[in-house]
Amino acid sequence: MDMEVLENIKEEEKRSRFFTRMPNEHYMVEAKLILGAAAEDIPRASEIKTMIKDIWDIRMSKLRTSMDALMKSGGSYGRLDHLTMMEINSVKPLLPEAMDELYRIKMMARKTYLLA
């Protein structure tokens, strides 16, 4: 939880079109636990908390953009490297349902086209 390291991660995440590899798979959980239990023992704890939140927000924005592009392209699969399990689980309830709905819409459009 070094501010310089976090700033570098944030800048790299902003610059890159792809997800960058995080230094730890469980960065959000660990940060929440440590900052929740011992914030007063960590120098610049509030800045660190804000920086981690900023990184999370950037990555979630990329994930939403990637999902949107997948849906608009009509794709049936996507590859997103370097996501953490927490990030994957944040979209897990939505993505399969959205893909099923797109499939239903395509099938209805196809039936309508064939009947016309």
PDB file of N, CA and C in Angstrom:
ATOM      1  N   MET A   1       0.830  -1.189   0.000  1.00  0.00           N
ATOM      2  CA  MET A   1       0.000   0.000   0.000  1.00  0.00           C
ATOM      3  C   MET A   1       0.873   1.250   0.000  1.00  0.00           C
ATOM      4  N   ASP A   2       1.722   1.300  -0.956  1.00  0.00           N
ATOM      5  CA  ASP A   2       2.604   2.439  -1.137  1.00  0.00           C
ATOM      6  C   ASP A   2       1.962   3.390  -2.145  1.00  0.00           C
ATOM      7  N   MET A   3       1.864   4.668  -1.800  1.00  0.00           N
ATOM      8  CA  MET A   3       1.197   5.640  -2.667  1.00  0.00           C
ATOM      9  C   MET A   3       1.845   5.722  -4.040  1.00  0.00           C
ATOM     10  N   GLU A   4       3.152   5.672  -4.102  1.00  0.00           N
ATOM     11  CA  GLU A   4       3.846   5.764  -5.388  1.00  0.00           C
ATOM     12  C   GLU A   4       3.485   4.573  -6.285  1.00  0.00           C
ATOM     13  N   VAL A   5       3.465   3.393  -5.694  1.00  0.00           N
ATOM     14  CA  VAL A   5       3.099   2.190  -6.446  1.00  0.00           C
ATOM     15  C   VAL A   5       1.652   2.296  -6.922  1.00  0.00           C
ATOM     16  N   LEU A   6       0.774   2.731  -6.038  1.00  0.00           N
ATOM     17  CA  LEU A   6      -0.634   2.872  -6.400  1.00  0.00           C
ATOM     18  C   LEU A   6      -0.838   3.914  -7.497  1.00  0.00           C
ATOM     19  N   GLU A   7      -0.107   5.007  -7.422  1.00  0.00           N
ATOM     20  CA  GLU A   7      -0.201   6.035  -8.464  1.00  0.00           C
ATOM     21  C   GLU A   7       0.254   5.483  -9.810  1.00  0.00           C
ATOM     22  N   ASN A   8       1.322   4.695  -9.806  1.00  0.00           N
ATOM     23  CA  ASN A   8       1.805   4.077 -11.041  1.00  0.00           C
ATOM     24  C   ASN A   8       0.778   3.109 -11.618  1.00  0.00           C
ATOM     25  N   ILE A   9       0.162   2.327 -10.745  1.00  0.00           N
ATOM     26  CA  ILE A   9      -0.868   1.380 -11.180  1.00  0.00           C
ATOM     27  C   ILE A   9      -2.048   2.146 -11.788  1.00  0.00           C
ATOM     28  N   LYS A  10      -2.461   3.200 -11.124  1.00  0.00           N
ATOM     29  CA  LYS A  10      -3.590   4.001 -11.614  1.00  0.00           C
ATOM     30  C   LYS A  10      -3.283   4.597 -12.988  1.00  0.00           C
ATOM     31  N   GLU A  11      -2.112   5.174 -13.137  1.00  0.00           N
ATOM     32  CA  GLU A  11      -1.738   5.784 -14.418  1.00  0.00           C
ATOM     33  C   GLU A  11      -1.638   4.747 -15.531  1.00  0.00           C
ATOM     34  N   GLU A  12      -1.058   3.598 -15.221  1.00  0.00           N
ATOM     35  CA  GLU A  12      -0.949   2.532 -16.216  1.00  0.00           C
ATOM     36  C   GLU A  12      -2.342   2.034 -16.615  1.00  0.00           C
ATOM     37  N   GLU A  13      -3.212   1.905 -15.647  1.00  0.00           N
ATOM     38  CA  GLU A  13      -4.579   1.446 -15.919  1.00  0.00           C
ATOM     39  C   GLU A  13      -5.316   2.453 -16.800  1.00  0.00           C
ATOM     40  N   LYS A  14      -5.094   3.722 -16.553  1.00  0.00           N
ATOM     41  CA  LYS A  14      -5.728   4.762 -17.377  1.00  0.00           C
ATOM     42  C   LYS A  14      -5.171   4.765 -18.799  1.00  0.00           C
ATOM     43  N   ARG A  15      -3.878   4.557 -18.943  1.00  0.00           N
ATOM     44  CA  ARG A  15      -3.224   4.592 -20.258  1.00  0.00           C
ATOM     45  C   ARG A  15      -3.563   3.380 -21.121  1.00  0.00           C
ATOM     46  N   SER A  16      -3.654   2.242 -20.482  1.00  0.00           N
ATOM     47  CA  SER A  16      -3.818   0.998 -21.218  1.00  0.00           C
ATOM     48  C   SER A  16      -5.263   0.762 -21.620  1.00  0.00           C
ATOM     49  N   ARG A  17      -5.420   0.268 -22.818  1.00  0.00           N
ATOM     50  CA  ARG A  17      -6.740  -0.101 -23.306  1.00  0.00           C
ATOM     51  C   ARG A  17      -7.195  -1.411 -22.656  1.00  0.00           C
ATOM     52  N   PHE A  18      -6.224  -2.214 -22.247  1.00  0.00           N
ATOM     53  CA  PHE A  18      -6.484  -3.509 -21.645  1.00  0.00           C
ATOM     54  C   PHE A  18      -6.323  -3.429 -20.128  1.00  0.00           C
ATOM     55  N   PHE A  19      -6.781  -4.461 -19.454  1.00  0.00           N
ATOM     56  CA  PHE A  19      -6.607  -4.531 -18.008  1.00  0.00           C
ATOM     57  C   PHE A  19      -5.158  -4.854 -17.699  1.00  0.00           C
ATOM     58  N   THR A  20      -4.598  -4.133 -16.753  1.00  0.00           N
ATOM     59  CA  THR A  20      -3.227  -4.412 -16.348  1.00  0.00           C
ATOM     60  C   THR A  20      -3.249  -5.446 -15.215  1.00  0.00           C
ATOM     61  N   ARG A  21      -2.163  -6.153 -15.084  1.00  0.00           N
ATOM     62  CA  ARG A  21      -2.065  -7.150 -14.009  1.00  0.00           C
ATOM     63  C   ARG A  21      -1.919  -6.407 -12.682  1.00  0.00           C
ATOM     64  N   MET A  22      -2.755  -6.763 -11.744  1.00  0.00           N
ATOM     65  CA  MET A  22      -2.693  -6.150 -10.422  1.00  0.00           C
ATOM     66  C   MET A  22      -1.622  -6.862  -9.602  1.00  0.00           C
ATOM     67  N   PRO A  23      -0.997  -6.145  -8.679  1.00  0.00           N
ATOM     68  CA  PRO A  23       0.070  -6.766  -7.891  1.00  0.00           C
ATOM     69  C   PRO A  23      -0.441  -7.888  -6.991  1.00  0.00           C
ATOM     70  N   ASN A  24      -1.743  -7.871  -6.730  1.00  0.00           N
ATOM     71  CA  ASN A  24      -2.321  -8.883  -5.858  1.00  0.00           C
ATOM     72  C   ASN A  24      -3.743  -9.168  -6.323  1.00  0.00           C
ATOM     73  N   GLU A  25      -4.081 -10.425  -6.448  1.00  0.00           N
ATOM     74  CA  GLU A  25      -5.411 -10.854  -6.878  1.00  0.00           C
ATOM     75  C   GLU A  25      -6.515 -10.347  -5.949  1.00  0.00           C
ATOM     76  N   HIS A  26      -6.184 -10.153  -4.697  1.00  0.00           N
ATOM     77  CA  HIS A  26      -7.188  -9.787  -3.698  1.00  0.00           C
ATOM     78  C   HIS A  26      -6.971  -8.362  -3.165  1.00  0.00           C
ATOM     79  N   TYR A  27      -6.523  -7.469  -4.025  1.00  0.00           N
ATOM     80  CA  TYR A  27      -6.152  -6.126  -3.572  1.00  0.00           C
ATOM     81  C   TYR A  27      -7.294  -5.385  -2.885  1.00  0.00           C
ATOM     82  N   MET A  28      -8.503  -5.515  -3.393  1.00  0.00           N
ATOM     83  CA  MET A  28      -9.633  -4.783  -2.801  1.00  0.00           C
ATOM     84  C   MET A  28      -9.980  -5.327  -1.416  1.00  0.00           C
ATOM     85  N   VAL A  29     -10.050  -6.619  -1.291  1.00  0.00           N
ATOM     86  CA  VAL A  29     -10.404  -7.240  -0.011  1.00  0.00           C
ATOM     87  C   VAL A  29      -9.343  -6.935   1.036  1.00  0.00           C
ATOM     88  N   GLU A  30      -8.081  -7.107   0.655  1.00  0.00           N
ATOM     89  CA  GLU A  30      -7.005  -6.855   1.608  1.00  0.00           C
ATOM     90  C   GLU A  30      -6.964  -5.390   2.024  1.00  0.00           C
ATOM     91  N   ALA A  31      -7.131  -4.498   1.076  1.00  0.00           N
ATOM     92  CA  ALA A  31      -7.121  -3.065   1.406  1.00  0.00           C
ATOM     93  C   ALA A  31      -8.262  -2.728   2.357  1.00  0.00           C
ATOM     94  N   LYS A  32      -9.434  -3.270   2.082  1.00  0.00           N
ATOM     95  CA  LYS A  32     -10.590  -2.995   2.942  1.00  0.00           C
ATOM     96  C   LYS A  32     -10.360  -3.522   4.362  1.00  0.00           C
ATOM     97  N   LEU A  33      -9.812  -4.721   4.457  1.00  0.00           N
ATOM     98  CA  LEU A  33      -9.544  -5.296   5.777  1.00  0.00           C
ATOM     99  C   LEU A  33      -8.496  -4.497   6.541  1.00  0.00           C
ATOM    100  N   ILE A  34      -7.396  -4.212   5.877  1.00  0.00           N
ATOM    101  CA  ILE A  34      -6.299  -3.505   6.545  1.00  0.00           C
ATOM    102  C   ILE A  34      -6.701  -2.082   6.902  1.00  0.00           C
ATOM    103  N   LEU A  35      -7.282  -1.373   5.937  1.00  0.00           N
ATOM    104  CA  LEU A  35      -7.666   0.014   6.204  1.00  0.00           C
ATOM    105  C   LEU A  35      -8.825   0.100   7.192  1.00  0.00           C
ATOM    106  N   GLY A  36      -9.659  -0.918   7.206  1.00  0.00           N
ATOM    107  CA  GLY A  36     -10.758  -0.942   8.170  1.00  0.00           C
ATOM    108  C   GLY A  36     -10.302  -1.228   9.584  1.00  0.00           C
ATOM    109  N   ALA A  37      -9.278  -2.049   9.727  1.00  0.00           N
ATOM    110  CA  ALA A  37      -8.822  -2.458  11.056  1.00  0.00           C
ATOM    111  C   ALA A  37      -7.705  -1.585  11.614  1.00  0.00           C
ATOM    112  N   ALA A  38      -6.880  -1.004  10.738  1.00  0.00           N
ATOM    113  CA  ALA A  38      -5.692  -0.310  11.246  1.00  0.00           C
ATOM    114  C   ALA A  38      -5.385   0.974  10.475  1.00  0.00           C
ATOM    115  N   ALA A  39      -6.401   1.683  10.066  1.00  0.00           N
ATOM    116  CA  ALA A  39      -6.187   2.906   9.271  1.00  0.00           C
ATOM    117  C   ALA A  39      -5.310   3.920  10.004  1.00  0.00           C
ATOM    118  N   GLU A  40      -5.471   4.006  11.299  1.00  0.00           N
ATOM    119  CA  GLU A  40      -4.690   4.988  12.069  1.00  0.00           C
ATOM    120  C   GLU A  40      -3.203   4.652  12.121  1.00  0.00           C
ATOM    121  N   ASP A  41      -2.856   3.416  11.826  1.00  0.00           N
ATOM    122  CA  ASP A  41      -1.451   2.995  11.825  1.00  0.00           C
ATOM    123  C   ASP A  41      -0.790   3.133  10.456  1.00  0.00           C
ATOM    124  N   ILE A  42      -1.563   3.505   9.455  1.00  0.00           N
ATOM    125  CA  ILE A  42      -1.045   3.583   8.087  1.00  0.00           C
ATOM    126  C   ILE A  42      -0.938   5.048   7.668  1.00  0.00           C
ATOM    127  N   PRO A  43       0.267   5.490   7.343  1.00  0.00           N
ATOM    128  CA  PRO A  43       0.410   6.869   6.879  1.00  0.00           C
ATOM    129  C   PRO A  43      -0.367   7.077   5.579  1.00  0.00           C
ATOM    130  N   ARG A  44      -1.043   8.200   5.490  1.00  0.00           N
ATOM    131  CA  ARG A  44      -1.818   8.585   4.301  1.00  0.00           C
ATOM    132  C   ARG A  44      -2.921   7.583   3.971  1.00  0.00           C
ATOM    133  N   ALA A  45      -3.528   7.009   5.011  1.00  0.00           N
ATOM    134  CA  ALA A  45      -4.539   5.963   4.827  1.00  0.00           C
ATOM    135  C   ALA A  45      -5.715   6.442   3.980  1.00  0.00           C
ATOM    136  N   SER A  46      -6.176   7.658   4.205  1.00  0.00           N
ATOM    137  CA  SER A  46      -7.324   8.131   3.429  1.00  0.00           C
ATOM    138  C   SER A  46      -6.960   8.321   1.956  1.00  0.00           C
ATOM    139  N   GLU A  47      -5.734   8.759   1.691  1.00  0.00           N
ATOM    140  CA  GLU A  47      -5.284   8.902   0.301  1.00  0.00           C
ATOM    141  C   GLU A  47      -5.156   7.528  -0.370  1.00  0.00           C
ATOM    142  N   ILE A  48      -4.661   6.573   0.377  1.00  0.00           N
ATOM    143  CA  ILE A  48      -4.519   5.211  -0.144  1.00  0.00           C
ATOM    144  C   ILE A  48      -5.898   4.643  -0.468  1.00  0.00           C
ATOM    145  N   LYS A  49      -6.823   4.844   0.436  1.00  0.00           N
ATOM    146  CA  LYS A  49      -8.193   4.362   0.228  1.00  0.00           C
ATOM    147  C   LYS A  49      -8.791   4.989  -1.039  1.00  0.00           C
ATOM    148  N   THR A  50      -8.590   6.273  -1.216  1.00  0.00           N
ATOM    149  CA  THR A  50      -9.099   6.973  -2.393  1.00  0.00           C
ATOM    150  C   THR A  50      -8.434   6.456  -3.659  1.00  0.00           C
ATOM    151  N   MET A  51      -7.144   6.236  -3.614  1.00  0.00           N
ATOM    152  CA  MET A  51      -6.404   5.753  -4.788  1.00  0.00           C
ATOM    153  C   MET A  51      -6.875   4.357  -5.182  1.00  0.00           C
ATOM    154  N   ILE A  52      -7.089   3.499  -4.223  1.00  0.00           N
ATOM    155  CA  ILE A  52      -7.568   2.142  -4.507  1.00  0.00           C
ATOM    156  C   ILE A  52      -8.974   2.202  -5.100  1.00  0.00           C
ATOM    157  N   LYS A  53      -9.794   3.077  -4.568  1.00  0.00           N
ATOM    158  CA  LYS A  53     -11.148   3.268  -5.122  1.00  0.00           C
ATOM    159  C   LYS A  53     -11.065   3.787  -6.549  1.00  0.00           C
ATOM    160  N   ASP A  54     -10.157   4.697  -6.818  1.00  0.00           N
ATOM    161  CA  ASP A  54      -9.978   5.217  -8.179  1.00  0.00           C
ATOM    162  C   ASP A  54      -9.581   4.104  -9.148  1.00  0.00           C
ATOM    163  N   ILE A  55      -8.667   3.255  -8.720  1.00  0.00           N
ATOM    164  CA  ILE A  55      -8.230   2.124  -9.554  1.00  0.00           C
ATOM    165  C   ILE A  55      -9.413   1.203  -9.834  1.00  0.00           C
ATOM    166  N   TRP A  56     -10.177   0.910  -8.794  1.00  0.00           N
ATOM    167  CA  TRP A  56     -11.370   0.066  -8.944  1.00  0.00           C
ATOM    168  C   TRP A  56     -12.341   0.694  -9.952  1.00  0.00           C
ATOM    169  N   ASP A  57     -12.585   1.981  -9.820  1.00  0.00           N
ATOM    170  CA  ASP A  57     -13.520   2.677 -10.711  1.00  0.00           C
ATOM    171  C   ASP A  57     -13.052   2.641 -12.161  1.00  0.00           C
ATOM    172  N   ILE A  58     -11.774   2.823 -12.387  1.00  0.00           N
ATOM    173  CA  ILE A  58     -11.220   2.773 -13.752  1.00  0.00           C
ATOM    174  C   ILE A  58     -11.424   1.380 -14.339  1.00  0.00           C
ATOM    175  N   ARG A  59     -11.125   0.374 -13.542  1.00  0.00           N
ATOM    176  CA  ARG A  59     -11.254  -0.998 -14.018  1.00  0.00           C
ATOM    177  C   ARG A  59     -12.718  -1.375 -14.262  1.00  0.00           C
ATOM    178  N   MET A  60     -13.619  -0.910 -13.414  1.00  0.00           N
ATOM    179  CA  MET A  60     -15.040  -1.189 -13.614  1.00  0.00           C
ATOM    180  C   MET A  60     -15.567  -0.483 -14.862  1.00  0.00           C
ATOM    181  N   SER A  61     -15.066   0.705 -15.114  1.00  0.00           N
ATOM    182  CA  SER A  61     -15.444   1.423 -16.327  1.00  0.00           C
ATOM    183  C   SER A  61     -14.989   0.653 -17.566  1.00  0.00           C
ATOM    184  N   LYS A  62     -13.773   0.153 -17.539  1.00  0.00           N
ATOM    185  CA  LYS A  62     -13.264  -0.661 -18.650  1.00  0.00           C
ATOM    186  C   LYS A  62     -14.103  -1.918 -18.828  1.00  0.00           C
ATOM    187  N   LEU A  63     -14.492  -2.515 -17.718  1.00  0.00           N
ATOM    188  CA  LEU A  63     -15.275  -3.742 -17.780  1.00  0.00           C
ATOM    189  C   LEU A  63     -16.650  -3.466 -18.379  1.00  0.00           C
ATOM    190  N   ARG A  64     -17.286  -2.391 -17.965  1.00  0.00           N
ATOM    191  CA  ARG A  64     -18.589  -2.026 -18.536  1.00  0.00           C
ATOM    192  C   ARG A  64     -18.460  -1.729 -20.029  1.00  0.00           C
ATOM    193  N   THR A  65     -17.404  -1.021 -20.407  1.00  0.00           N
ATOM    194  CA  THR A  65     -17.176  -0.707 -21.816  1.00  0.00           C
ATOM    195  C   THR A  65     -16.946  -1.988 -22.615  1.00  0.00           C
ATOM    196  N   SER A  66     -16.188  -2.909 -22.068  1.00  0.00           N
ATOM    197  CA  SER A  66     -15.931  -4.181 -22.739  1.00  0.00           C
ATOM    198  C   SER A  66     -17.214  -4.986 -22.906  1.00  0.00           C
ATOM    199  N   MET A  67     -18.038  -5.018 -21.861  1.00  0.00           N
ATOM    200  CA  MET A  67     -19.316  -5.733 -21.942  1.00  0.00           C
ATOM    201  C   MET A  67     -20.228  -5.079 -22.976  1.00  0.00           C
ATOM    202  N   ASP A  68     -20.257  -3.764 -23.003  1.00  0.00           N
ATOM    203  CA  ASP A  68     -21.078  -3.042 -23.967  1.00  0.00           C
ATOM    204  C   ASP A  68     -20.635  -3.371 -25.395  1.00  0.00           C
ATOM    205  N   ALA A  69     -19.333  -3.358 -25.633  1.00  0.00           N
ATOM    206  CA  ALA A  69     -18.808  -3.676 -26.965  1.00  0.00           C
ATOM    207  C   ALA A  69     -19.154  -5.115 -27.353  1.00  0.00           C
ATOM    208  N   LEU A  70     -19.074  -6.032 -26.411  1.00  0.00           N
ATOM    209  CA  LEU A  70     -19.417  -7.430 -26.670  1.00  0.00           C
ATOM    210  C   LEU A  70     -20.879  -7.553 -27.065  1.00  0.00           C
ATOM    211  N   MET A  71     -21.745  -6.881 -26.332  1.00  0.00           N
ATOM    212  CA  MET A  71     -23.182  -6.938 -26.619  1.00  0.00           C
ATOM    213  C   MET A  71     -23.492  -6.321 -27.979  1.00  0.00           C
ATOM    214  N   LYS A  72     -22.913  -5.173 -28.270  1.00  0.00           N
ATOM    215  CA  LYS A  72     -23.187  -4.485 -29.531  1.00  0.00           C
ATOM    216  C   LYS A  72     -22.647  -5.248 -30.732  1.00  0.00           C
ATOM    217  N   SER A  73     -21.569  -5.969 -30.534  1.00  0.00           N
ATOM    218  CA  SER A  73     -20.985  -6.723 -31.650  1.00  0.00           C
ATOM    219  C   SER A  73     -21.723  -8.031 -31.879  1.00  0.00           C
ATOM    220  N   GLY A  74     -22.567  -8.409 -30.937  1.00  0.00           N
ATOM    221  CA  GLY A  74     -23.270  -9.678 -31.075  1.00  0.00           C
ATOM    222  C   GLY A  74     -22.385 -10.868 -30.789  1.00  0.00           C
ATOM    223  N   GLY A  75     -21.279 -10.623 -30.147  1.00  0.00           N
ATOM    224  CA  GLY A  75     -20.341 -11.697 -29.831  1.00  0.00           C
ATOM    225  C   GLY A  75     -20.916 -12.671 -28.821  1.00  0.00           C
ATOM    226  N   SER A  76     -20.369 -13.854 -28.806  1.00  0.00           N
ATOM    227  CA  SER A  76     -20.846 -14.856 -27.858  1.00  0.00           C
ATOM    228  C   SER A  76     -19.812 -15.165 -26.783  1.00  0.00           C
ATOM    229  N   TYR A  77     -18.640 -14.592 -26.919  1.00  0.00           N
ATOM    230  CA  TYR A  77     -17.624 -14.769 -25.878  1.00  0.00           C
ATOM    231  C   TYR A  77     -16.666 -13.585 -25.926  1.00  0.00           C
ATOM    232  N   GLY A  78     -15.966 -13.404 -24.841  1.00  0.00           N
ATOM    233  CA  GLY A  78     -14.967 -12.344 -24.764  1.00  0.00           C
ATOM    234  C   GLY A  78     -13.804 -12.814 -23.914  1.00  0.00           C
ATOM    235  N   ARG A  79     -12.679 -12.202 -24.123  1.00  0.00           N
ATOM    236  CA  ARG A  79     -11.492 -12.545 -23.344  1.00  0.00           C
ATOM    237  C   ARG A  79     -11.017 -11.291 -22.626  1.00  0.00           C
ATOM    238  N   LEU A  80     -10.992 -11.378 -21.315  1.00  0.00           N
ATOM    239  CA  LEU A  80     -10.551 -10.257 -20.497  1.00  0.00           C
ATOM    240  C   LEU A  80      -9.484 -10.763 -19.534  1.00  0.00           C
ATOM    241  N   ASP A  81      -8.257 -10.523 -19.877  1.00  0.00           N
ATOM    242  CA  ASP A  81      -7.146 -10.976 -19.040  1.00  0.00           C
ATOM    243  C   ASP A  81      -6.939 -10.029 -17.868  1.00  0.00           C
ATOM    244  N   HIS A  82      -6.388 -10.557 -16.811  1.00  0.00           N
ATOM    245  CA  HIS A  82      -5.941  -9.822 -15.632  1.00  0.00           C
ATOM    246  C   HIS A  82      -7.065  -9.263 -14.774  1.00  0.00           C
ATOM    247  N   LEU A  83      -8.264  -9.822 -14.875  1.00  0.00           N
ATOM    248  CA  LEU A  83      -9.323  -9.425 -13.954  1.00  0.00           C
ATOM    249  C   LEU A  83      -9.177 -10.221 -12.665  1.00  0.00           C
ATOM    250  N   THR A  84      -9.551  -9.614 -11.562  1.00  0.00           N
ATOM    251  CA  THR A  84      -9.542 -10.330 -10.294  1.00  0.00           C
ATOM    252  C   THR A  84     -10.901 -11.011 -10.125  1.00  0.00           C
ATOM    253  N   MET A  85     -10.979 -11.952  -9.227  1.00  0.00           N
ATOM    254  CA  MET A  85     -12.245 -12.657  -8.997  1.00  0.00           C
ATOM    255  C   MET A  85     -13.338 -11.688  -8.530  1.00  0.00           C
ATOM    256  N   MET A  86     -12.983 -10.725  -7.742  1.00  0.00           N
ATOM    257  CA  MET A  86     -13.975  -9.760  -7.270  1.00  0.00           C
ATOM    258  C   MET A  86     -14.541  -8.957  -8.442  1.00  0.00           C
ATOM    259  N   GLU A  87     -13.704  -8.605  -9.383  1.00  0.00           N
ATOM    260  CA  GLU A  87     -14.153  -7.862 -10.563  1.00  0.00           C
ATOM    261  C   GLU A  87     -15.047  -8.735 -11.443  1.00  0.00           C
ATOM    262  N   ILE A  88     -14.666  -9.977 -11.619  1.00  0.00           N
ATOM    263  CA  ILE A  88     -15.483 -10.905 -12.400  1.00  0.00           C
ATOM    264  C   ILE A  88     -16.830 -11.107 -11.721  1.00  0.00           C
ATOM    265  N   ASN A  89     -16.792 -11.305 -10.416  1.00  0.00           N
ATOM    266  CA  ASN A  89     -18.038 -11.538  -9.686  1.00  0.00           C
ATOM    267  C   ASN A  89     -18.959 -10.321  -9.674  1.00  0.00           C
ATOM    268  N   SER A  90     -18.401  -9.143  -9.893  1.00  0.00           N
ATOM    269  CA  SER A  90     -19.253  -7.949  -9.912  1.00  0.00           C
ATOM    270  C   SER A  90     -20.157  -7.913 -11.144  1.00  0.00           C
ATOM    271  N   VAL A  91     -19.774  -8.575 -12.227  1.00  0.00           N
ATOM    272  CA  VAL A  91     -20.604  -8.612 -13.431  1.00  0.00           C
ATOM    273  C   VAL A  91     -21.238  -9.980 -13.660  1.00  0.00           C
ATOM    274  N   LYS A  92     -20.872 -10.929 -12.887  1.00  0.00           N
ATOM    275  CA  LYS A  92     -21.351 -12.294 -13.077  1.00  0.00           C
ATOM    276  C   LYS A  92     -22.886 -12.407 -13.072  1.00  0.00           C
ATOM    277  N   PRO A  93     -23.595 -11.725 -12.194  1.00  0.00           N
ATOM    278  CA  PRO A  93     -25.055 -11.853 -12.226  1.00  0.00           C
ATOM    279  C   PRO A  93     -25.694 -11.239 -13.485  1.00  0.00           C
ATOM    280  N   LEU A  94     -25.069 -10.241 -14.050  1.00  0.00           N
ATOM    281  CA  LEU A  94     -25.647  -9.517 -15.172  1.00  0.00           C
ATOM    282  C   LEU A  94     -25.322 -10.121 -16.531  1.00  0.00           C
ATOM    283  N   LEU A  95     -24.111 -10.501 -16.752  1.00  0.00           N
ATOM    284  CA  LEU A  95     -23.657 -10.889 -18.085  1.00  0.00           C
ATOM    285  C   LEU A  95     -24.392 -12.103 -18.665  1.00  0.00           C
ATOM    286  N   PRO A  96     -24.497 -13.225 -17.969  1.00  0.00           N
ATOM    287  CA  PRO A  96     -25.192 -14.367 -18.578  1.00  0.00           C
ATOM    288  C   PRO A  96     -26.653 -14.051 -18.908  1.00  0.00           C
ATOM    289  N   GLU A  97     -27.306 -13.323 -18.036  1.00  0.00           N
ATOM    290  CA  GLU A  97     -28.702 -12.956 -18.282  1.00  0.00           C
ATOM    291  C   GLU A  97     -28.830 -12.037 -19.499  1.00  0.00           C
ATOM    292  N   ALA A  98     -27.919 -11.097 -19.629  1.00  0.00           N
ATOM    293  CA  ALA A  98     -27.932 -10.197 -20.778  1.00  0.00           C
ATOM    294  C   ALA A  98     -27.675 -10.968 -22.070  1.00  0.00           C
ATOM    295  N   MET A  99     -26.734 -11.886 -22.037  1.00  0.00           N
ATOM    296  CA  MET A  99     -26.441 -12.693 -23.219  1.00  0.00           C
ATOM    297  C   MET A  99     -27.649 -13.567 -23.591  1.00  0.00           C
ATOM    298  N   ASP A 100     -28.333 -14.125 -22.609  1.00  0.00           N
ATOM    299  CA  ASP A 100     -29.539 -14.915 -22.877  1.00  0.00           C
ATOM    300  C   ASP A 100     -30.624 -14.060 -23.515  1.00  0.00           C
ATOM    301  N   GLU A 101     -30.781 -12.852 -23.007  1.00  0.00           N
ATOM    302  CA  GLU A 101     -31.796 -11.948 -23.553  1.00  0.00           C
ATOM    303  C   GLU A 101     -31.471 -11.577 -24.999  1.00  0.00           C
ATOM    304  N   LEU A 102     -30.226 -11.297 -25.295  1.00  0.00           N
ATOM    305  CA  LEU A 102     -29.826 -11.014 -26.678  1.00  0.00           C
ATOM    306  C   LEU A 102     -30.118 -12.203 -27.582  1.00  0.00           C
ATOM    307  N   TYR A 103     -29.847 -13.379 -27.099  1.00  0.00           N
ATOM    308  CA  TYR A 103     -30.123 -14.588 -27.882  1.00  0.00           C
ATOM    309  C   TYR A 103     -31.623 -14.705 -28.170  1.00  0.00           C
ATOM    310  N   ARG A 104     -32.462 -14.472 -27.151  1.00  0.00           N
ATOM    311  CA  ARG A 104     -33.916 -14.536 -27.332  1.00  0.00           C
ATOM    312  C   ARG A 104     -34.384 -13.505 -28.362  1.00  0.00           C
ATOM    313  N   ILE A 105     -33.837 -12.313 -28.285  1.00  0.00           N
ATOM    314  CA  ILE A 105     -34.204 -11.261 -29.241  1.00  0.00           C
ATOM    315  C   ILE A 105     -33.815 -11.672 -30.659  1.00  0.00           C
ATOM    316  N   LYS A 106     -32.631 -12.220 -30.823  1.00  0.00           N
ATOM    317  CA  LYS A 106     -32.181 -12.674 -32.145  1.00  0.00           C
ATOM    318  C   LYS A 106     -33.086 -13.779 -32.677  1.00  0.00           C
ATOM    319  N   MET A 107     -33.473 -14.706 -31.808  1.00  0.00           N
ATOM    320  CA  MET A 107     -34.333 -15.801 -32.242  1.00  0.00           C
ATOM    321  C   MET A 107     -35.720 -15.292 -32.624  1.00  0.00           C
ATOM    322  N   MET A 108     -36.250 -14.343 -31.882  1.00  0.00           N
ATOM    323  CA  MET A 108     -37.555 -13.767 -32.213  1.00  0.00           C
ATOM    324  C   MET A 108     -37.475 -13.015 -33.548  1.00  0.00           C
ATOM    325  N   ALA A 109     -36.405 -12.263 -33.763  1.00  0.00           N
ATOM    326  CA  ALA A 109     -36.225 -11.540 -35.017  1.00  0.00           C
ATOM    327  C   ALA A 109     -36.101 -12.523 -36.183  1.00  0.00           C
ATOM    328  N   ARG A 110     -35.434 -13.603 -35.956  1.00  0.00           N
ATOM    329  CA  ARG A 110     -35.264 -14.621 -37.004  1.00  0.00           C
ATOM    330  C   ARG A 110     -36.595 -15.271 -37.351  1.00  0.00           C
ATOM    331  N   LYS A 111     -37.392 -15.593 -36.327  1.00  0.00           N
ATOM    332  CA  LYS A 111     -38.716 -16.185 -36.560  1.00  0.00           C
ATOM    333  C   LYS A 111     -39.601 -15.218 -37.333  1.00  0.00           C
ATOM    334  N   THR A 112     -39.564 -13.951 -36.926  1.00  0.00           N
ATOM    335  CA  THR A 112     -40.361 -12.927 -37.594  1.00  0.00           C
ATOM    336  C   THR A 112     -39.942 -12.803 -39.060  1.00  0.00           C
ATOM    337  N   TYR A 113     -38.657 -12.825 -39.320  1.00  0.00           N
ATOM    338  CA  TYR A 113     -38.128 -12.718 -40.679  1.00  0.00           C
ATOM    339  C   TYR A 113     -38.554 -13.923 -41.524  1.00  0.00           C
ATOM    340  N   LEU A 114     -38.493 -15.115 -40.938  1.00  0.00           N
ATOM    341  CA  LEU A 114     -38.833 -16.325 -41.671  1.00  0.00           C
ATOM    342  C   LEU A 114     -40.339 -16.409 -41.954  1.00  0.00           C
ATOM    343  N   LEU A 115     -41.151 -15.858 -41.058  1.00  0.00           N
ATOM    344  CA  LEU A 115     -42.601 -15.886 -41.235  1.00  0.00           C
ATOM    345  C   LEU A 115     -43.085 -14.822 -42.225  1.00  0.00           C
ATOM    346  N   ALA A 116     -42.287 -13.791 -42.405  1.00  0.00           N
ATOM    347  CA  ALA A 116     -42.722 -12.694 -43.291  1.00  0.00           C
ATOM    348  C   ALA A 116     -42.541 -12.993 -44.742  1.00  0.00           C
TER     349      ALA A 116
END
